[in-house]
Amino acid sequence: MAIASVTRIRDEVPIPTPSRSMVSVDNVTMSFGDFTAVRDVDIDVADGEFVAIVGPTGCGKSTILNAVAGLLGPTKGGIRIDGKPVSGVQESVGYLFQQDALLPWKTALQNVELGLRFRGVDTKEREQRAHAWLAKVGLKGFEHRYPHQLSGGQRKRVQMAQALIVEPKVILMDEPFSALDIHTRHLMQNELLRLWQEDRRAVMLITHDLEEAIALGDRVVVLSSGPSSRVVESFQVDLERPRNVAEIKLDQRFTDLYRDIWACLRGEVEKSYARQD
C-alpha cells in the first residue's frame, strides 16, 4: 500500500526520480499482548534518501526503527532491506541512539573500531580505519580519550564514526541530537549532513523536532497518535542541498513546509494529549 504524498516542486529545485527501494516497511503491525503500537504501516525509503519520521509522543516511532534494525519482529507484515527480508539483528544497519551508546571503559578509538572487531576485521586494518574516521569527524588527537573526557558533541561525533565506519546500507537515528544544547545540535546536524552527502545512504530519522525533520530530510512522514498508530501523510522537502540547518530555516519555502506539516501534525498531537488527560 503506497503512502499518501504531498509534493511541491519549484522550477529551480527539480526532485530526482527515486532510486531503488532500500527499506520497505510493508503493512507492518507491531503488537505487544493486547497493546498494538502501530498498525498497517507502509514506509518505503529509497537508496540514498533521507526520511524523517515525526509524530506525537508514544506513537511508535522507535518501535518502527527497532523493527527495521531487526531488534523486534512484526506481528503482521514484513520489512525488507535492499530486497532481503529482515530477520534478526541486521549487520547492514548503523544505529545512532538518543543516549550515548559508547562503552565507558574503552577509548574513542576502541569504541569506533568495535563494529569492525565484531565483523572479524584484523587489528591493523580496523585501527587504520578508526583513525581515519576520527579524523573525518574532527577528533584527530582525541583517539585515546575515554567518553567521560569528551564533551557531549565530541561523544556524538564518536557515535557517528562508530555507526558509519561499518559502511551500513541503512542509517537509523533515534533523536540522536535531542540531549545537546541548540548550538551544538546545529553543529552536529551540519556535520551529519556533510558526512551523509559524501556517500549517501538511506536514512530513517525519528524526531520530535519538526524543524530538524525539515532541515535534514528529503521527506517527512507524519504518524498518527497512538496506540495503533498509522501513517497520516508524507511531505516532500524540496529544499536545495547542500544545506546549512540554521540558514535554511530563513528560507520562505522552509516556513511554508513547516506550516503545512504542522497543520497535519498538530491534530495528532492534540489527540495524544486528549487521550492522556
C-alpha atoms as a PDB file:
ATOM      1  CA  MET A   1       0.000   0.000   0.000  1.00  0.00           C
ATOM      2  CA  ALA A   2       1.543   3.298  -1.035  1.00  0.00           C
ATOM      3  CA  ILE A   3       1.594   6.118   1.469  1.00  0.00           C
ATOM      4  CA  ALA A   4      -0.103   9.363   0.558  1.00  0.00           C
ATOM      5  CA  SER A   5       2.283  12.073  -0.524  1.00  0.00           C
ATOM      6  CA  VAL A   6       2.228  15.806  -0.925  1.00  0.00           C
ATOM      7  CA  THR A   7       4.859  17.059  -3.354  1.00  0.00           C
ATOM      8  CA  ARG A   8       5.578  20.674  -4.233  1.00  0.00           C
ATOM      9  CA  ILE A   9       8.305  21.320  -6.772  1.00  0.00           C
ATOM     10  CA  ARG A  10       9.999  24.616  -7.502  1.00  0.00           C
ATOM     11  CA  ASP A  11      11.328  25.067 -11.025  1.00  0.00           C
ATOM     12  CA  GLU A  12      14.853  25.625  -9.759  1.00  0.00           C
ATOM     13  CA  VAL A  13      14.840  22.582  -7.467  1.00  0.00           C
ATOM     14  CA  PRO A  14      13.846  19.516  -9.507  1.00  0.00           C
ATOM     15  CA  ILE A  15      13.160  16.448  -7.406  1.00  0.00           C
ATOM     16  CA  PRO A  16      15.115  13.464  -8.767  1.00  0.00           C
ATOM     17  CA  THR A  17      13.446  10.240  -9.738  1.00  0.00           C
ATOM     18  CA  PRO A  18      13.695   7.913  -6.709  1.00  0.00           C
ATOM     19  CA  SER A  19      16.266   5.135  -6.975  1.00  0.00           C
ATOM     20  CA  ARG A  20      15.577   1.563  -5.927  1.00  0.00           C
ATOM     21  CA  SER A  21      13.903   0.914  -2.614  1.00  0.00           C
ATOM     22  CA  MET A  22      16.417   0.281   0.167  1.00  0.00           C
ATOM     23  CA  VAL A  23      13.995  -0.053   3.099  1.00  0.00           C
ATOM     24  CA  SER A  24      10.488  -1.385   2.673  1.00  0.00           C
ATOM     25  CA  VAL A  25       8.121  -1.430   5.654  1.00  0.00           C
ATOM     26  CA  ASP A  26       5.155  -3.307   4.193  1.00  0.00           C
ATOM     27  CA  ASN A  27       1.803  -3.341   6.007  1.00  0.00           C
ATOM     28  CA  VAL A  28       3.537  -3.752   9.375  1.00  0.00           C
ATOM     29  CA  THR A  29       1.632  -4.132  12.629  1.00  0.00           C
ATOM     30  CA  MET A  30       3.501  -4.266  15.936  1.00  0.00           C
ATOM     31  CA  SER A  31       1.556  -5.657  18.908  1.00  0.00           C
ATOM     32  CA  PHE A  32       2.656  -6.485  22.436  1.00  0.00           C
ATOM     33  CA  GLY A  33      -0.007  -8.628  24.089  1.00  0.00           C
ATOM     34  CA  ASP A  34      -3.277  -6.703  23.862  1.00  0.00           C
ATOM     35  CA  PHE A  35      -1.499  -3.446  23.025  1.00  0.00           C
ATOM     36  CA  THR A  36      -0.961  -2.501  19.372  1.00  0.00           C
ATOM     37  CA  ALA A  37       1.714   0.156  18.939  1.00  0.00           C
ATOM     38  CA  VAL A  38       1.476   0.611  15.163  1.00  0.00           C
ATOM     39  CA  ARG A  39      -0.974  -0.834  12.658  1.00  0.00           C
ATOM     40  CA  ASP A  40      -0.710  -1.391   8.887  1.00  0.00           C
ATOM     41  CA  VAL A  41       2.275   0.913   8.421  1.00  0.00           C
ATOM     42  CA  ASP A  42       3.806   1.307   4.959  1.00  0.00           C
ATOM     43  CA  ILE A  43       7.037   3.277   4.532  1.00  0.00           C
ATOM     44  CA  ASP A  44       9.475   2.994   1.648  1.00  0.00           C
ATOM     45  CA  VAL A  45      12.903   4.608   1.746  1.00  0.00           C
ATOM     46  CA  ALA A  46      14.860   4.827  -1.493  1.00  0.00           C
ATOM     47  CA  ASP A  47      18.595   4.197  -1.639  1.00  0.00           C
ATOM     48  CA  GLY A  48      20.263   7.460  -0.657  1.00  0.00           C
ATOM     49  CA  GLU A  49      17.037   9.052   0.601  1.00  0.00           C
ATOM     50  CA  PHE A  50      16.864  10.850   3.969  1.00  0.00           C
ATOM     51  CA  VAL A  51      13.445  10.253   5.537  1.00  0.00           C
ATOM     52  CA  ALA A  52      12.431  11.908   8.807  1.00  0.00           C
ATOM     53  CA  ILE A  53       9.520  10.460  10.794  1.00  0.00           C
ATOM     54  CA  VAL A  54       7.564  12.676  13.183  1.00  0.00           C
ATOM     55  CA  GLY A  55       4.570  12.068  15.404  1.00  0.00           C
ATOM     56  CA  PRO A  56       3.240  12.585  18.933  1.00  0.00           C
ATOM     57  CA  THR A  57       4.923  11.011  21.936  1.00  0.00           C
ATOM     58  CA  GLY A  58       4.061   7.321  22.186  1.00  0.00           C
ATOM     59  CA  CYS A  59       3.071   6.874  18.544  1.00  0.00           C
ATOM     60  CA  GLY A  60       5.530   4.031  17.923  1.00  0.00           C
ATOM     61  CA  LYS A  61       8.347   5.820  16.092  1.00  0.00           C
ATOM     62  CA  SER A  62      11.071   3.960  17.988  1.00  0.00           C
ATOM     63  CA  THR A  63       9.165   0.693  17.587  1.00  0.00           C
ATOM     64  CA  ILE A  64       9.292   1.045  13.806  1.00  0.00           C
ATOM     65  CA  LEU A  65      13.003   1.852  13.902  1.00  0.00           C
ATOM     66  CA  ASN A  66      13.747  -1.154  16.112  1.00  0.00           C
ATOM     67  CA  ALA A  67      11.782  -3.399  13.758  1.00  0.00           C
ATOM     68  CA  VAL A  68      13.866  -2.187  10.790  1.00  0.00           C
ATOM     69  CA  ALA A  69      17.017  -2.907  12.811  1.00  0.00           C
ATOM     70  CA  GLY A  70      15.768  -6.436  13.450  1.00  0.00           C
ATOM     71  CA  LEU A  71      15.536  -5.911  17.209  1.00  0.00           C
ATOM     72  CA  LEU A  72      11.773  -6.513  17.143  1.00  0.00           C
ATOM     73  CA  GLY A  73       9.703  -8.751  14.870  1.00  0.00           C
ATOM     74  CA  PRO A  74       6.464  -7.544  13.264  1.00  0.00           C
ATOM     75  CA  THR A  75       3.208  -9.118  14.376  1.00  0.00           C
ATOM     76  CA  LYS A  76       1.968  -8.742  10.817  1.00  0.00           C
ATOM     77  CA  GLY A  77       3.541  -7.611   7.575  1.00  0.00           C
ATOM     78  CA  GLY A  78       7.202  -7.617   6.627  1.00  0.00           C
ATOM     79  CA  ILE A  79      10.321  -5.494   6.365  1.00  0.00           C
ATOM     80  CA  ARG A  80      12.971  -5.701   3.680  1.00  0.00           C
ATOM     81  CA  ILE A  81      16.385  -4.092   3.382  1.00  0.00           C
ATOM     82  CA  ASP A  82      17.767  -3.996  -0.150  1.00  0.00           C
ATOM     83  CA  GLY A  83      15.184  -6.594  -1.138  1.00  0.00           C
ATOM     84  CA  LYS A  84      16.067  -9.084   1.605  1.00  0.00           C
ATOM     85  CA  PRO A  85      13.643  -9.880   4.456  1.00  0.00           C
ATOM     86  CA  VAL A  86      14.707  -8.607   7.867  1.00  0.00           C
ATOM     87  CA  SER A  87      15.109 -11.452  10.337  1.00  0.00           C
ATOM     88  CA  GLY A  88      17.189 -10.820  13.427  1.00  0.00           C
ATOM     89  CA  VAL A  89      19.777  -8.098  14.018  1.00  0.00           C
ATOM     90  CA  GLN A  90      20.983  -6.536  10.765  1.00  0.00           C
ATOM     91  CA  GLU A  91      24.686  -6.021  10.051  1.00  0.00           C
ATOM     92  CA  SER A  92      23.726  -3.746   7.159  1.00  0.00           C
ATOM     93  CA  VAL A  93      22.299  -1.163   9.588  1.00  0.00           C
ATOM     94  CA  GLY A  94      24.047   1.594  11.544  1.00  0.00           C
ATOM     95  CA  TYR A  95      22.125   2.868  14.595  1.00  0.00           C
ATOM     96  CA  LEU A  96      22.558   6.244  16.337  1.00  0.00           C
ATOM     97  CA  PHE A  97      20.748   6.242  19.660  1.00  0.00           C
ATOM     98  CA  GLN A  98      19.368   9.134  21.673  1.00  0.00           C
ATOM     99  CA  GLN A  99      21.632   8.406  24.634  1.00  0.00           C
ATOM    100  CA  ASP A 100      25.352   7.746  24.452  1.00  0.00           C
ATOM    101  CA  ALA A 101      25.921   4.146  23.443  1.00  0.00           C
ATOM    102  CA  LEU A 102      29.683   4.278  23.999  1.00  0.00           C
ATOM    103  CA  LEU A 103      31.444   1.817  26.298  1.00  0.00           C
ATOM    104  CA  PRO A 104      32.876   3.953  29.137  1.00  0.00           C
ATOM    105  CA  TRP A 105      35.884   1.664  29.677  1.00  0.00           C
ATOM    106  CA  LYS A 106      37.032   1.957  26.065  1.00  0.00           C
ATOM    107  CA  THR A 107      38.757   4.878  24.362  1.00  0.00           C
ATOM    108  CA  ALA A 108      37.294   6.791  21.444  1.00  0.00           C
ATOM    109  CA  LEU A 109      39.425   4.725  19.067  1.00  0.00           C
ATOM    110  CA  GLN A 110      38.358   1.434  20.646  1.00  0.00           C
ATOM    111  CA  ASN A 111      34.685   2.444  20.533  1.00  0.00           C
ATOM    112  CA  VAL A 112      34.857   3.411  16.874  1.00  0.00           C
ATOM    113  CA  GLU A 113      36.526   0.156  15.818  1.00  0.00           C
ATOM    114  CA  LEU A 114      34.093  -2.012  17.791  1.00  0.00           C
ATOM    115  CA  GLY A 115      31.832  -2.824  14.828  1.00  0.00           C
ATOM    116  CA  LEU A 116      34.821  -3.883  12.731  1.00  0.00           C
ATOM    117  CA  ARG A 117      36.048  -6.099  15.580  1.00  0.00           C
ATOM    118  CA  PHE A 118      32.672  -7.880  15.666  1.00  0.00           C
ATOM    119  CA  ARG A 119      32.985  -8.433  11.910  1.00  0.00           C
ATOM    120  CA  GLY A 120      36.377 -10.073  12.272  1.00  0.00           C
ATOM    121  CA  VAL A 121      38.481  -7.329  10.679  1.00  0.00           C
ATOM    122  CA  ASP A 122      42.152  -7.675  11.649  1.00  0.00           C
ATOM    123  CA  THR A 123      43.667  -5.323  14.218  1.00  0.00           C
ATOM    124  CA  LYS A 124      45.849  -3.267  11.871  1.00  0.00           C
ATOM    125  CA  GLU A 125      43.082  -2.548   9.372  1.00  0.00           C
ATOM    126  CA  ARG A 126      40.464  -1.638  11.940  1.00  0.00           C
ATOM    127  CA  GLU A 127      42.868   0.726  13.733  1.00  0.00           C
ATOM    128  CA  GLN A 128      43.749   2.427  10.463  1.00  0.00           C
ATOM    129  CA  ARG A 129      40.098   2.851   9.547  1.00  0.00           C
ATOM    130  CA  ALA A 130      39.175   4.052  13.048  1.00  0.00           C
ATOM    131  CA  HIS A 131      41.954   6.656  12.982  1.00  0.00           C
ATOM    132  CA  ALA A 132      40.735   7.839   9.569  1.00  0.00           C
ATOM    133  CA  TRP A 133      37.139   8.148  10.748  1.00  0.00           C
ATOM    134  CA  LEU A 134      38.051  10.023  13.916  1.00  0.00           C
ATOM    135  CA  ALA A 135      39.995  12.480  11.755  1.00  0.00           C
ATOM    136  CA  LYS A 136      36.994  12.772   9.418  1.00  0.00           C
ATOM    137  CA  VAL A 137      34.692  13.765  12.289  1.00  0.00           C
ATOM    138  CA  GLY A 138      37.197  16.272  13.659  1.00  0.00           C
ATOM    139  CA  LEU A 139      38.616  14.231  16.539  1.00  0.00           C
ATOM    140  CA  LYS A 140      42.203  13.720  15.427  1.00  0.00           C
ATOM    141  CA  GLY A 141      44.267  13.786  18.621  1.00  0.00           C
ATOM    142  CA  PHE A 142      41.381  12.528  20.772  1.00  0.00           C
ATOM    143  CA  GLU A 143      41.829   8.849  19.917  1.00  0.00           C
ATOM    144  CA  HIS A 144      42.915   7.757  23.405  1.00  0.00           C
ATOM    145  CA  ARG A 145      40.417   9.749  25.442  1.00  0.00           C
ATOM    146  CA  TYR A 146      37.622   7.991  27.266  1.00  0.00           C
ATOM    147  CA  PRO A 147      33.959   9.056  26.906  1.00  0.00           C
ATOM    148  CA  HIS A 148      33.969  10.915  30.246  1.00  0.00           C
ATOM    149  CA  GLN A 149      36.867  13.024  28.942  1.00  0.00           C
ATOM    150  CA  LEU A 150      34.851  14.189  25.920  1.00  0.00           C
ATOM    151  CA  SER A 151      32.139  16.820  25.593  1.00  0.00           C
ATOM    152  CA  GLY A 152      28.602  15.893  24.551  1.00  0.00           C
ATOM    153  CA  GLY A 153      29.277  16.994  20.984  1.00  0.00           C
ATOM    154  CA  GLN A 154      32.537  15.039  20.843  1.00  0.00           C
ATOM    155  CA  ARG A 155      30.838  11.884  22.126  1.00  0.00           C
ATOM    156  CA  LYS A 156      28.204  12.323  19.416  1.00  0.00           C
ATOM    157  CA  ARG A 157      30.982  12.572  16.811  1.00  0.00           C
ATOM    158  CA  VAL A 158      32.437   9.302  18.109  1.00  0.00           C
ATOM    159  CA  GLN A 159      29.000   7.708  17.794  1.00  0.00           C
ATOM    160  CA  MET A 160      28.656   8.896  14.196  1.00  0.00           C
ATOM    161  CA  ALA A 161      32.075   7.462  13.331  1.00  0.00           C
ATOM    162  CA  GLN A 162      31.168   4.215  15.106  1.00  0.00           C
ATOM    163  CA  ALA A 163      27.964   3.857  13.064  1.00  0.00           C
ATOM    164  CA  LEU A 164      29.430   4.854   9.696  1.00  0.00           C
ATOM    165  CA  ILE A 165      32.753   3.003   9.788  1.00  0.00           C
ATOM    166  CA  VAL A 166      31.000  -0.300   9.011  1.00  0.00           C
ATOM    167  CA  GLU A 167      29.609   1.229   5.772  1.00  0.00           C
ATOM    168  CA  PRO A 168      25.946   0.406   6.505  1.00  0.00           C
ATOM    169  CA  LYS A 169      23.339   0.342   3.771  1.00  0.00           C
ATOM    170  CA  VAL A 170      20.858   2.000   6.139  1.00  0.00           C
ATOM    171  CA  ILE A 171      21.399   4.507   8.949  1.00  0.00           C
ATOM    172  CA  LEU A 172      18.787   4.598  11.726  1.00  0.00           C
ATOM    173  CA  MET A 173      18.687   7.568  14.087  1.00  0.00           C
ATOM    174  CA  ASP A 174      16.554   7.810  17.209  1.00  0.00           C
ATOM    175  CA  GLU A 175      16.567  11.515  18.189  1.00  0.00           C
ATOM    176  CA  PRO A 176      20.378  11.485  18.205  1.00  0.00           C
ATOM    177  CA  PHE A 177      20.823  15.208  18.974  1.00  0.00           C
ATOM    178  CA  SER A 178      17.994  15.844  21.445  1.00  0.00           C
ATOM    179  CA  ALA A 179      20.284  15.872  24.509  1.00  0.00           C
ATOM    180  CA  LEU A 180      22.580  18.557  23.060  1.00  0.00           C
ATOM    181  CA  ASP A 181      22.293  22.312  23.515  1.00  0.00           C
ATOM    182  CA  ILE A 182      20.927  24.193  20.499  1.00  0.00           C
ATOM    183  CA  HIS A 183      24.295  25.456  19.229  1.00  0.00           C
ATOM    184  CA  THR A 184      25.992  22.051  19.482  1.00  0.00           C
ATOM    185  CA  ARG A 185      22.913  20.485  17.923  1.00  0.00           C
ATOM    186  CA  HIS A 186      23.209  22.707  14.844  1.00  0.00           C
ATOM    187  CA  LEU A 187      26.900  21.850  14.525  1.00  0.00           C
ATOM    188  CA  MET A 188      26.175  18.115  14.764  1.00  0.00           C
ATOM    189  CA  GLN A 189      23.296  18.324  12.301  1.00  0.00           C
ATOM    190  CA  ASN A 190      25.542  20.051   9.765  1.00  0.00           C
ATOM    191  CA  GLU A 191      28.281  17.505  10.442  1.00  0.00           C
ATOM    192  CA  LEU A 192      25.827  14.676   9.835  1.00  0.00           C
ATOM    193  CA  LEU A 193      24.680  16.230   6.545  1.00  0.00           C
ATOM    194  CA  ARG A 194      28.299  16.667   5.435  1.00  0.00           C
ATOM    195  CA  LEU A 195      29.142  13.025   6.106  1.00  0.00           C
ATOM    196  CA  TRP A 196      25.901  11.790   4.547  1.00  0.00           C
ATOM    197  CA  GLN A 197      26.419  13.923   1.441  1.00  0.00           C
ATOM    198  CA  GLU A 198      29.820  12.296   0.805  1.00  0.00           C
ATOM    199  CA  ASP A 199      28.392   8.804   0.374  1.00  0.00           C
ATOM    200  CA  ARG A 200      24.628   8.893   0.541  1.00  0.00           C
ATOM    201  CA  ARG A 201      22.978   6.078   2.426  1.00  0.00           C
ATOM    202  CA  ALA A 202      19.317   5.506   3.147  1.00  0.00           C
ATOM    203  CA  VAL A 203      18.472   7.253   6.426  1.00  0.00           C
ATOM    204  CA  MET A 204      15.497   6.917   8.760  1.00  0.00           C
ATOM    205  CA  LEU A 205      15.460   9.616  11.441  1.00  0.00           C
ATOM    206  CA  ILE A 206      12.822   9.880  14.132  1.00  0.00           C
ATOM    207  CA  THR A 207      12.460  13.163  15.945  1.00  0.00           C
ATOM    208  CA  HIS A 208      10.021  15.296  17.929  1.00  0.00           C
ATOM    209  CA  ASP A 209      11.612  18.392  16.404  1.00  0.00           C
ATOM    210  CA  LEU A 210       9.740  19.324  13.222  1.00  0.00           C
ATOM    211  CA  GLU A 211      12.350  21.963  12.326  1.00  0.00           C
ATOM    212  CA  GLU A 212      15.053  19.291  12.481  1.00  0.00           C
ATOM    213  CA  ALA A 213      12.989  16.929  10.342  1.00  0.00           C
ATOM    214  CA  ILE A 214      12.552  19.527   7.581  1.00  0.00           C
ATOM    215  CA  ALA A 215      16.113  20.869   7.753  1.00  0.00           C
ATOM    216  CA  LEU A 216      17.667  17.396   7.405  1.00  0.00           C
ATOM    217  CA  GLY A 217      15.198  15.343   5.400  1.00  0.00           C
ATOM    218  CA  ASP A 218      14.266  14.740   1.783  1.00  0.00           C
ATOM    219  CA  ARG A 219      10.842  13.672   3.026  1.00  0.00           C
ATOM    220  CA  VAL A 220       8.876  13.985   6.268  1.00  0.00           C
ATOM    221  CA  VAL A 221       6.463  11.191   7.227  1.00  0.00           C
ATOM    222  CA  VAL A 222       3.778  12.027   9.796  1.00  0.00           C
ATOM    223  CA  LEU A 223       2.447   9.307  12.111  1.00  0.00           C
ATOM    224  CA  SER A 224      -0.892   9.482  13.894  1.00  0.00           C
ATOM    225  CA  SER A 225      -1.310   9.462  17.648  1.00  0.00           C
ATOM    226  CA  GLY A 226      -1.087   6.067  19.289  1.00  0.00           C
ATOM    227  CA  PRO A 227      -1.991   3.388  20.056  1.00  0.00           C
ATOM    228  CA  SER A 228      -2.472   1.686  16.674  1.00  0.00           C
ATOM    229  CA  SER A 229      -0.535   4.482  15.025  1.00  0.00           C
ATOM    230  CA  ARG A 230      -0.519   4.711  11.225  1.00  0.00           C
ATOM    231  CA  VAL A 231       0.985   6.873   8.503  1.00  0.00           C
ATOM    232  CA  VAL A 232      -1.124  10.000   8.051  1.00  0.00           C
ATOM    233  CA  GLU A 233       0.764  11.759   5.278  1.00  0.00           C
ATOM    234  CA  SER A 234       4.149  12.188   3.618  1.00  0.00           C
ATOM    235  CA  PHE A 235       5.599  15.549   2.595  1.00  0.00           C
ATOM    236  CA  GLN A 236       8.384  16.033   0.055  1.00  0.00           C
ATOM    237  CA  VAL A 237      11.019  18.544   1.237  1.00  0.00           C
ATOM    238  CA  ASP A 238      12.001  20.444  -1.897  1.00  0.00           C
ATOM    239  CA  LEU A 239      14.837  22.472  -0.398  1.00  0.00           C
ATOM    240  CA  GLU A 240      18.218  22.755  -2.087  1.00  0.00           C
ATOM    241  CA  ARG A 241      21.219  20.756  -0.994  1.00  0.00           C
ATOM    242  CA  PRO A 242      23.788  21.104   0.446  1.00  0.00           C
ATOM    243  CA  ARG A 243      22.084  22.780   3.402  1.00  0.00           C
ATOM    244  CA  ASN A 244      23.081  24.720   6.478  1.00  0.00           C
ATOM    245  CA  VAL A 245      20.479  23.824   9.082  1.00  0.00           C
ATOM    246  CA  ALA A 246      20.492  27.279  10.691  1.00  0.00           C
ATOM    247  CA  GLU A 247      20.371  29.246   7.437  1.00  0.00           C
ATOM    248  CA  ILE A 248      17.804  27.023   5.706  1.00  0.00           C
ATOM    249  CA  LYS A 249      15.248  27.984   8.354  1.00  0.00           C
ATOM    250  CA  LEU A 250      15.297  31.533   6.956  1.00  0.00           C
ATOM    251  CA  ASP A 251      14.114  30.251   3.557  1.00  0.00           C
ATOM    252  CA  GLN A 252      10.455  31.093   2.848  1.00  0.00           C
ATOM    253  CA  ARG A 253       9.944  27.591   1.483  1.00  0.00           C
ATOM    254  CA  PHE A 254      11.058  26.187   4.846  1.00  0.00           C
ATOM    255  CA  THR A 255       8.399  28.312   6.558  1.00  0.00           C
ATOM    256  CA  ASP A 256       5.741  27.139   4.114  1.00  0.00           C
ATOM    257  CA  LEU A 257       6.670  23.488   4.659  1.00  0.00           C
ATOM    258  CA  TYR A 258       6.665  23.923   8.426  1.00  0.00           C
ATOM    259  CA  ARG A 259       3.200  25.465   8.324  1.00  0.00           C
ATOM    260  CA  ASP A 260       1.783  22.712   6.081  1.00  0.00           C
ATOM    261  CA  ILE A 261       3.306  19.810   8.026  1.00  0.00           C
ATOM    262  CA  TRP A 262       2.399  21.288  11.400  1.00  0.00           C
ATOM    263  CA  ALA A 263      -1.206  21.694  10.230  1.00  0.00           C
ATOM    264  CA  CYS A 264      -1.213  17.921   9.726  1.00  0.00           C
ATOM    265  CA  LEU A 265       0.775  17.035  12.852  1.00  0.00           C
ATOM    266  CA  ARG A 266      -0.982  19.404  15.260  1.00  0.00           C
ATOM    267  CA  GLY A 267      -4.257  17.469  15.200  1.00  0.00           C
ATOM    268  CA  GLU A 268      -2.444  14.231  16.073  1.00  0.00           C
ATOM    269  CA  VAL A 269      -0.580  15.901  18.934  1.00  0.00           C
ATOM    270  CA  GLU A 270      -3.865  17.282  20.301  1.00  0.00           C
ATOM    271  CA  LYS A 271      -5.421  13.806  20.123  1.00  0.00           C
ATOM    272  CA  SER A 272      -2.466  12.392  22.026  1.00  0.00           C
ATOM    273  CA  TYR A 273      -2.767  14.954  24.819  1.00  0.00           C
ATOM    274  CA  ALA A 274      -6.541  14.445  24.996  1.00  0.00           C
ATOM    275  CA  ARG A 275      -6.053  10.696  25.496  1.00  0.00           C
ATOM    276  CA  GLN A 276      -3.516  11.307  28.266  1.00  0.00           C
ATOM    277  CA  ASP A 277      -5.978  13.619  30.048  1.00  0.00           C
END
